[in-house]
Amino acid sequence: MSQRTLVLLKPDAVARGLVGEIIGRIERKAGWTIRALELRTLDRAILEQHYAEHVGREFYEPLLAFMSSGPVAALIVEGERVIEGMRTLAGPTDPIKAQGGSIRGDFGTITRENLIHASDSEQSAEREIKIFFPAAA
C-alpha cells in the first residue's frame, strides 16, 4: 500500500553537508519517490504545531531552539510502506543504539541533534504534511 510521509533533515544534517547523502539513500530505495522538497528555516509557530505533543517536557524549548537554529530540508516521500521504512532508515534516536547502515547509526553523534525526523504513523504523516506542505495535503 502506497503511503506518504514527512521527512525533515534537521539543521545538523544541513550544516554537516549530509543532505545529498541522505536524499540519495531515500532515492535508492526501490519504489520510493520524493514528491516535495524545500529548504527553509522554521519559525516558532510551525515548530509549536509540529511538536505540540511535547509541550511542557524538559526538552521542548531546547528542541525548538535547535530546530530553528538553521535551515532544514523538508520532504514528502511516497511509496510502499514508506512510513515504516523511513523510520528504519533513520534508525533509533540514540545514535549509539542505531544500527550501522541507518542514517543515525552512520552519522549521528548526540541524541538531541539527531539529523532526521520521519513521521511515526499514517495519522502523524497526514498531520505533519498539512503543517509543512499545506498545498499538498
N, C-alpha and C. Protein backbone atom coordinates (compact mmCIF):
# COMPACT_ATOMS: atom_id res chain seq x y z
N MET A 1 0.83 -1.18 0.00
CA MET A 1 0.00 0.00 0.00
C MET A 1 0.88 1.25 0.00
N SER A 2 0.67 2.12 -0.93
CA SER A 2 1.46 3.34 -1.02
C SER A 2 1.05 4.32 0.07
N GLN A 3 2.04 4.97 0.64
CA GLN A 3 1.84 5.95 1.70
C GLN A 3 2.68 7.18 1.40
N ARG A 4 2.39 8.26 2.15
CA ARG A 4 3.24 9.45 2.13
C ARG A 4 3.70 9.71 3.56
N THR A 5 4.89 10.25 3.68
CA THR A 5 5.42 10.61 4.99
C THR A 5 6.19 11.92 4.89
N LEU A 6 6.25 12.61 6.03
CA LEU A 6 7.07 13.81 6.11
C LEU A 6 8.45 13.42 6.62
N VAL A 7 9.47 13.94 6.00
CA VAL A 7 10.84 13.76 6.44
C VAL A 7 11.46 15.15 6.59
N LEU A 8 12.10 15.37 7.72
CA LEU A 8 12.85 16.62 7.93
C LEU A 8 14.31 16.28 8.13
N LEU A 9 15.16 16.87 7.33
CA LEU A 9 16.60 16.78 7.55
C LEU A 9 16.95 18.00 8.38
N LYS A 10 17.29 17.75 9.62
CA LYS A 10 17.40 18.79 10.65
C LYS A 10 18.62 19.68 10.43
N PRO A 11 18.69 20.80 11.19
CA PRO A 11 19.79 21.74 10.99
C PRO A 11 21.18 21.12 11.06
N ASP A 12 21.37 20.09 11.89
CA ASP A 12 22.70 19.47 11.96
C ASP A 12 23.02 18.72 10.68
N ALA A 13 22.04 18.09 10.06
CA ALA A 13 22.27 17.40 8.77
C ALA A 13 22.64 18.40 7.69
N VAL A 14 21.94 19.54 7.66
CA VAL A 14 22.24 20.57 6.67
C VAL A 14 23.62 21.16 6.92
N ALA A 15 23.91 21.52 8.17
CA ALA A 15 25.20 22.14 8.49
C ALA A 15 26.38 21.21 8.22
N ARG A 16 26.19 19.92 8.36
CA ARG A 16 27.27 18.96 8.15
C ARG A 16 27.36 18.50 6.69
N GLY A 17 26.53 19.04 5.82
CA GLY A 17 26.61 18.69 4.41
C GLY A 17 26.13 17.27 4.10
N LEU A 18 25.15 16.78 4.85
CA LEU A 18 24.66 15.41 4.68
C LEU A 18 23.36 15.31 3.90
N VAL A 19 22.82 16.44 3.44
CA VAL A 19 21.54 16.41 2.73
C VAL A 19 21.60 15.53 1.50
N GLY A 20 22.61 15.69 0.68
CA GLY A 20 22.74 14.88 -0.54
C GLY A 20 22.87 13.40 -0.24
N GLU A 21 23.68 13.06 0.75
CA GLU A 21 23.85 11.66 1.15
C GLU A 21 22.53 11.05 1.61
N ILE A 22 21.80 11.77 2.45
CA ILE A 22 20.55 11.24 2.99
C ILE A 22 19.49 11.14 1.89
N ILE A 23 19.38 12.17 1.07
CA ILE A 23 18.41 12.11 -0.04
C ILE A 23 18.78 10.98 -0.99
N GLY A 24 20.06 10.78 -1.24
CA GLY A 24 20.50 9.67 -2.09
C GLY A 24 20.05 8.33 -1.55
N ARG A 25 20.11 8.15 -0.25
CA ARG A 25 19.65 6.89 0.36
C ARG A 25 18.15 6.71 0.15
N ILE A 26 17.41 7.80 0.28
CA ILE A 26 15.96 7.74 0.05
C ILE A 26 15.68 7.41 -1.41
N GLU A 27 16.36 8.08 -2.32
CA GLU A 27 16.12 7.86 -3.75
C GLU A 27 16.49 6.45 -4.20
N ARG A 28 17.46 5.83 -3.55
CA ARG A 28 17.88 4.49 -3.94
C ARG A 28 16.93 3.39 -3.48
N LYS A 29 15.99 3.73 -2.59
CA LYS A 29 15.01 2.73 -2.17
C LYS A 29 14.03 2.51 -3.32
N ALA A 30 13.95 1.30 -3.79
CA ALA A 30 13.06 0.98 -4.91
C ALA A 30 11.62 1.31 -4.55
N GLY A 31 10.98 2.06 -5.42
CA GLY A 31 9.57 2.37 -5.24
C GLY A 31 9.28 3.61 -4.42
N TRP A 32 10.30 4.26 -3.85
CA TRP A 32 10.07 5.50 -3.11
C TRP A 32 10.35 6.69 -4.01
N THR A 33 9.51 7.72 -3.88
CA THR A 33 9.64 8.92 -4.69
C THR A 33 9.55 10.15 -3.80
N ILE A 34 10.41 11.11 -4.04
CA ILE A 34 10.31 12.40 -3.36
C ILE A 34 9.29 13.23 -4.11
N ARG A 35 8.20 13.58 -3.44
CA ARG A 35 7.10 14.34 -4.04
C ARG A 35 7.20 15.83 -3.78
N ALA A 36 7.94 16.22 -2.74
CA ALA A 36 8.14 17.64 -2.44
C ALA A 36 9.47 17.76 -1.70
N LEU A 37 10.14 18.87 -1.93
CA LEU A 37 11.43 19.12 -1.28
C LEU A 37 11.62 20.63 -1.19
N GLU A 38 11.90 21.09 0.02
CA GLU A 38 12.09 22.52 0.23
C GLU A 38 13.11 22.74 1.34
N LEU A 39 14.02 23.67 1.13
CA LEU A 39 14.97 24.08 2.15
C LEU A 39 14.45 25.36 2.78
N ARG A 40 14.29 25.34 4.11
CA ARG A 40 13.79 26.55 4.77
C ARG A 40 14.18 26.57 6.24
N THR A 41 14.15 27.77 6.82
CA THR A 41 14.36 27.94 8.24
C THR A 41 12.98 28.00 8.88
N LEU A 42 12.77 27.19 9.90
CA LEU A 42 11.45 27.06 10.51
C LEU A 42 11.24 28.12 11.58
N ASP A 43 10.03 28.70 11.61
CA ASP A 43 9.70 29.67 12.64
C ASP A 43 9.02 28.96 13.82
N ARG A 44 8.92 29.67 14.90
CA ARG A 44 8.38 29.08 16.13
C ARG A 44 6.94 28.58 15.94
N ALA A 45 6.12 29.27 15.19
CA ALA A 45 4.73 28.86 15.00
C ALA A 45 4.63 27.48 14.36
N ILE A 46 5.43 27.23 13.35
CA ILE A 46 5.45 25.90 12.70
C ILE A 46 5.94 24.85 13.68
N LEU A 47 7.01 25.17 14.39
CA LEU A 47 7.59 24.21 15.34
C LEU A 47 6.64 23.90 16.48
N GLU A 48 5.91 24.90 16.96
CA GLU A 48 4.94 24.66 18.03
C GLU A 48 3.83 23.72 17.56
N GLN A 49 3.40 23.86 16.32
CA GLN A 49 2.40 22.93 15.78
C GLN A 49 2.97 21.52 15.66
N HIS A 50 4.16 21.45 15.12
CA HIS A 50 4.79 20.15 14.86
C HIS A 50 5.08 19.38 16.15
N TYR A 51 5.56 20.07 17.17
CA TYR A 51 5.96 19.43 18.43
C TYR A 51 4.95 19.66 19.55
N ALA A 52 3.69 19.88 19.22
CA ALA A 52 2.65 20.18 20.22
C ALA A 52 2.55 19.13 21.31
N GLU A 53 2.75 17.87 20.98
CA GLU A 53 2.62 16.80 21.99
C GLU A 53 3.73 16.83 23.03
N HIS A 54 4.77 17.63 22.81
CA HIS A 54 5.89 17.68 23.74
C HIS A 54 5.88 18.91 24.65
N VAL A 55 4.87 19.76 24.53
CA VAL A 55 4.79 20.97 25.36
C VAL A 55 4.90 20.56 26.83
N GLY A 56 5.73 21.29 27.56
CA GLY A 56 5.88 21.04 28.99
C GLY A 56 7.00 20.08 29.35
N ARG A 57 7.50 19.35 28.39
CA ARG A 57 8.60 18.43 28.68
C ARG A 57 9.91 19.22 28.72
N GLU A 58 10.88 18.71 29.46
CA GLU A 58 12.13 19.46 29.67
C GLU A 58 12.90 19.71 28.39
N PHE A 59 12.73 18.87 27.40
CA PHE A 59 13.48 19.03 26.15
C PHE A 59 12.78 19.91 25.13
N TYR A 60 11.56 20.36 25.44
CA TYR A 60 10.75 21.10 24.46
C TYR A 60 11.43 22.39 23.98
N GLU A 61 11.79 23.28 24.89
CA GLU A 61 12.40 24.56 24.49
C GLU A 61 13.75 24.36 23.81
N PRO A 62 14.64 23.49 24.34
CA PRO A 62 15.90 23.25 23.62
C PRO A 62 15.66 22.67 22.22
N LEU A 63 14.64 21.83 22.08
CA LEU A 63 14.33 21.26 20.77
C LEU A 63 13.89 22.35 19.79
N LEU A 64 13.01 23.25 20.24
CA LEU A 64 12.58 24.34 19.37
C LEU A 64 13.75 25.24 19.00
N ALA A 65 14.63 25.51 19.96
CA ALA A 65 15.81 26.34 19.69
C ALA A 65 16.71 25.67 18.65
N PHE A 66 16.94 24.38 18.82
CA PHE A 66 17.77 23.65 17.84
C PHE A 66 17.13 23.65 16.46
N MET A 67 15.84 23.33 16.40
CA MET A 67 15.18 23.20 15.09
C MET A 67 15.04 24.54 14.37
N SER A 68 15.15 25.65 15.08
CA SER A 68 15.10 26.97 14.43
C SER A 68 16.49 27.58 14.26
N SER A 69 17.54 26.81 14.57
CA SER A 69 18.90 27.34 14.54
C SER A 69 19.52 27.42 13.16
N GLY A 70 18.88 26.82 12.17
CA GLY A 70 19.41 26.85 10.82
C GLY A 70 18.41 26.20 9.88
N PRO A 71 18.72 26.18 8.60
CA PRO A 71 17.77 25.61 7.65
C PRO A 71 17.60 24.11 7.82
N VAL A 72 16.41 23.64 7.44
CA VAL A 72 16.10 22.22 7.35
C VAL A 72 15.67 21.93 5.92
N ALA A 73 15.82 20.69 5.52
CA ALA A 73 15.26 20.23 4.25
C ALA A 73 14.00 19.45 4.60
N ALA A 74 12.86 19.91 4.11
CA ALA A 74 11.58 19.25 4.35
C ALA A 74 11.19 18.51 3.09
N LEU A 75 10.77 17.25 3.26
CA LEU A 75 10.42 16.41 2.11
C LEU A 75 9.10 15.68 2.36
N ILE A 76 8.39 15.43 1.30
CA ILE A 76 7.33 14.42 1.30
C ILE A 76 7.88 13.27 0.49
N VAL A 77 7.90 12.09 1.11
CA VAL A 77 8.36 10.88 0.44
C VAL A 77 7.17 9.94 0.32
N GLU A 78 7.01 9.35 -0.84
CA GLU A 78 5.87 8.48 -1.11
C GLU A 78 6.36 7.11 -1.56
N GLY A 79 5.66 6.08 -1.13
CA GLY A 79 6.00 4.74 -1.59
C GLY A 79 5.40 3.66 -0.72
N GLU A 80 5.66 2.45 -1.11
CA GLU A 80 5.17 1.27 -0.40
C GLU A 80 5.80 1.20 1.00
N ARG A 81 4.95 1.17 2.02
CA ARG A 81 5.39 1.06 3.43
C ARG A 81 6.47 2.09 3.79
N VAL A 82 6.36 3.27 3.22
CA VAL A 82 7.40 4.29 3.38
C VAL A 82 7.48 4.81 4.82
N ILE A 83 6.39 4.81 5.56
CA ILE A 83 6.44 5.31 6.94
C ILE A 83 7.33 4.40 7.78
N GLU A 84 7.04 3.12 7.77
CA GLU A 84 7.85 2.15 8.50
C GLU A 84 9.28 2.13 7.96
N GLY A 85 9.41 2.17 6.65
CA GLY A 85 10.73 2.12 6.03
C GLY A 85 11.60 3.30 6.36
N MET A 86 11.02 4.51 6.36
CA MET A 86 11.81 5.70 6.70
C MET A 86 12.25 5.66 8.15
N ARG A 87 11.40 5.16 9.03
CA ARG A 87 11.78 5.06 10.44
C ARG A 87 12.96 4.09 10.61
N THR A 88 12.94 3.01 9.85
CA THR A 88 14.05 2.06 9.90
C THR A 88 15.31 2.68 9.31
N LEU A 89 15.17 3.35 8.17
CA LEU A 89 16.32 4.00 7.54
C LEU A 89 16.91 5.07 8.46
N ALA A 90 16.07 5.81 9.18
CA ALA A 90 16.55 6.84 10.11
C ALA A 90 17.31 6.21 11.27
N GLY A 91 16.79 5.11 11.82
CA GLY A 91 17.38 4.47 12.99
C GLY A 91 16.88 5.09 14.27
N PRO A 92 17.14 4.44 15.40
CA PRO A 92 16.70 4.97 16.69
C PRO A 92 17.29 6.34 16.98
N THR A 93 16.58 7.11 17.81
CA THR A 93 17.01 8.47 18.15
C THR A 93 18.42 8.50 18.75
N ASP A 94 18.73 7.54 19.59
CA ASP A 94 20.05 7.46 20.21
C ASP A 94 21.03 6.86 19.21
N PRO A 95 22.00 7.64 18.73
CA PRO A 95 22.90 7.12 17.69
C PRO A 95 23.76 5.94 18.15
N ILE A 96 23.95 5.80 19.45
CA ILE A 96 24.72 4.67 19.97
C ILE A 96 23.94 3.36 19.77
N LYS A 97 22.62 3.44 19.84
CA LYS A 97 21.76 2.26 19.68
C LYS A 97 21.39 2.01 18.22
N ALA A 98 21.69 2.95 17.35
CA ALA A 98 21.30 2.85 15.94
C ALA A 98 22.26 1.91 15.19
N GLN A 99 21.69 1.06 14.37
CA GLN A 99 22.47 0.11 13.57
C GLN A 99 23.28 0.84 12.50
N GLY A 100 24.46 0.30 12.19
CA GLY A 100 25.20 0.77 11.03
C GLY A 100 24.32 0.58 9.80
N GLY A 101 24.43 1.48 8.88
CA GLY A 101 23.58 1.44 7.69
C GLY A 101 22.37 2.35 7.82
N SER A 102 21.99 2.69 9.06
CA SER A 102 20.93 3.68 9.25
C SER A 102 21.57 5.07 9.25
N ILE A 103 20.77 6.07 9.03
CA ILE A 103 21.29 7.44 8.97
C ILE A 103 21.90 7.83 10.32
N ARG A 104 21.17 7.58 11.40
CA ARG A 104 21.70 7.95 12.72
C ARG A 104 22.87 7.04 13.13
N GLY A 105 22.82 5.78 12.73
CA GLY A 105 23.91 4.86 13.05
C GLY A 105 25.20 5.25 12.35
N ASP A 106 25.10 5.73 11.12
CA ASP A 106 26.29 6.11 10.35
C ASP A 106 26.78 7.52 10.64
N PHE A 107 25.85 8.45 10.95
CA PHE A 107 26.24 9.86 11.04
C PHE A 107 25.89 10.54 12.36
N GLY A 108 25.07 9.90 13.20
CA GLY A 108 24.61 10.53 14.44
C GLY A 108 25.73 10.68 15.45
N THR A 109 25.64 11.74 16.24
CA THR A 109 26.64 11.97 17.28
C THR A 109 26.00 12.13 18.65
N ILE A 110 24.90 12.88 18.74
CA ILE A 110 24.22 13.07 20.03
C ILE A 110 22.72 12.90 19.82
N THR A 111 22.03 12.55 20.90
CA THR A 111 20.60 12.25 20.81
C THR A 111 19.77 13.47 20.47
N ARG A 112 20.05 14.61 21.07
CA ARG A 112 19.20 15.79 20.86
C ARG A 112 19.27 16.29 19.41
N GLU A 113 20.44 16.27 18.82
CA GLU A 113 20.61 16.72 17.44
C GLU A 113 20.79 15.46 16.60
N ASN A 114 19.66 14.89 16.15
CA ASN A 114 19.72 13.55 15.59
C ASN A 114 19.41 13.46 14.10
N LEU A 115 19.73 14.51 13.37
CA LEU A 115 19.80 14.54 11.91
C LEU A 115 18.48 14.50 11.16
N ILE A 116 17.51 13.69 11.59
CA ILE A 116 16.36 13.42 10.74
C ILE A 116 15.10 13.19 11.55
N HIS A 117 13.98 13.62 11.00
CA HIS A 117 12.66 13.30 11.54
C HIS A 117 11.91 12.56 10.44
N ALA A 118 11.19 11.52 10.83
CA ALA A 118 10.29 10.82 9.91
C ALA A 118 9.01 10.52 10.67
N SER A 119 7.88 10.79 10.07
CA SER A 119 6.58 10.57 10.71
C SER A 119 6.49 9.14 11.24
N ASP A 120 5.82 8.99 12.39
CA ASP A 120 5.76 7.67 13.03
C ASP A 120 4.49 6.88 12.76
N SER A 121 3.53 7.47 12.05
CA SER A 121 2.28 6.77 11.74
C SER A 121 1.59 7.47 10.58
N GLU A 122 0.58 6.83 10.02
CA GLU A 122 -0.18 7.47 8.94
C GLU A 122 -0.86 8.75 9.43
N GLN A 123 -1.39 8.71 10.67
CA GLN A 123 -2.05 9.89 11.22
C GLN A 123 -1.06 11.03 11.41
N SER A 124 0.12 10.72 11.95
CA SER A 124 1.15 11.76 12.12
C SER A 124 1.60 12.30 10.77
N ALA A 125 1.79 11.43 9.80
CA ALA A 125 2.23 11.87 8.47
C ALA A 125 1.21 12.83 7.87
N GLU A 126 -0.05 12.49 7.97
CA GLU A 126 -1.09 13.36 7.42
C GLU A 126 -1.08 14.72 8.12
N ARG A 127 -1.02 14.72 9.45
CA ARG A 127 -1.00 15.97 10.22
C ARG A 127 0.25 16.79 9.89
N GLU A 128 1.40 16.16 9.83
CA GLU A 128 2.66 16.86 9.61
C GLU A 128 2.77 17.41 8.18
N ILE A 129 2.31 16.65 7.21
CA ILE A 129 2.32 17.14 5.83
C ILE A 129 1.46 18.40 5.72
N LYS A 130 0.34 18.44 6.41
CA LYS A 130 -0.53 19.63 6.39
C LYS A 130 0.19 20.86 6.96
N ILE A 131 1.03 20.63 7.97
CA ILE A 131 1.77 21.74 8.58
C ILE A 131 2.84 22.26 7.64
N PHE A 132 3.62 21.37 7.04
CA PHE A 132 4.79 21.78 6.25
C PHE A 132 4.49 22.01 4.78
N PHE A 133 3.51 21.30 4.24
CA PHE A 133 3.14 21.43 2.83
C PHE A 133 1.63 21.48 2.69
N PRO A 134 1.00 22.58 3.15
CA PRO A 134 -0.46 22.63 3.15
C PRO A 134 -1.09 22.44 1.77
N ALA A 135 -0.41 22.88 0.73
CA ALA A 135 -0.98 22.73 -0.63
C ALA A 135 -0.97 21.27 -1.10
N ALA A 136 -0.13 20.44 -0.48
CA ALA A 136 -0.02 19.03 -0.89
C ALA A 136 -0.92 18.13 -0.04
N ALA A 137 -1.54 18.69 0.97
CA ALA A 137 -2.33 17.85 1.91
C ALA A 137 -3.62 17.34 1.33
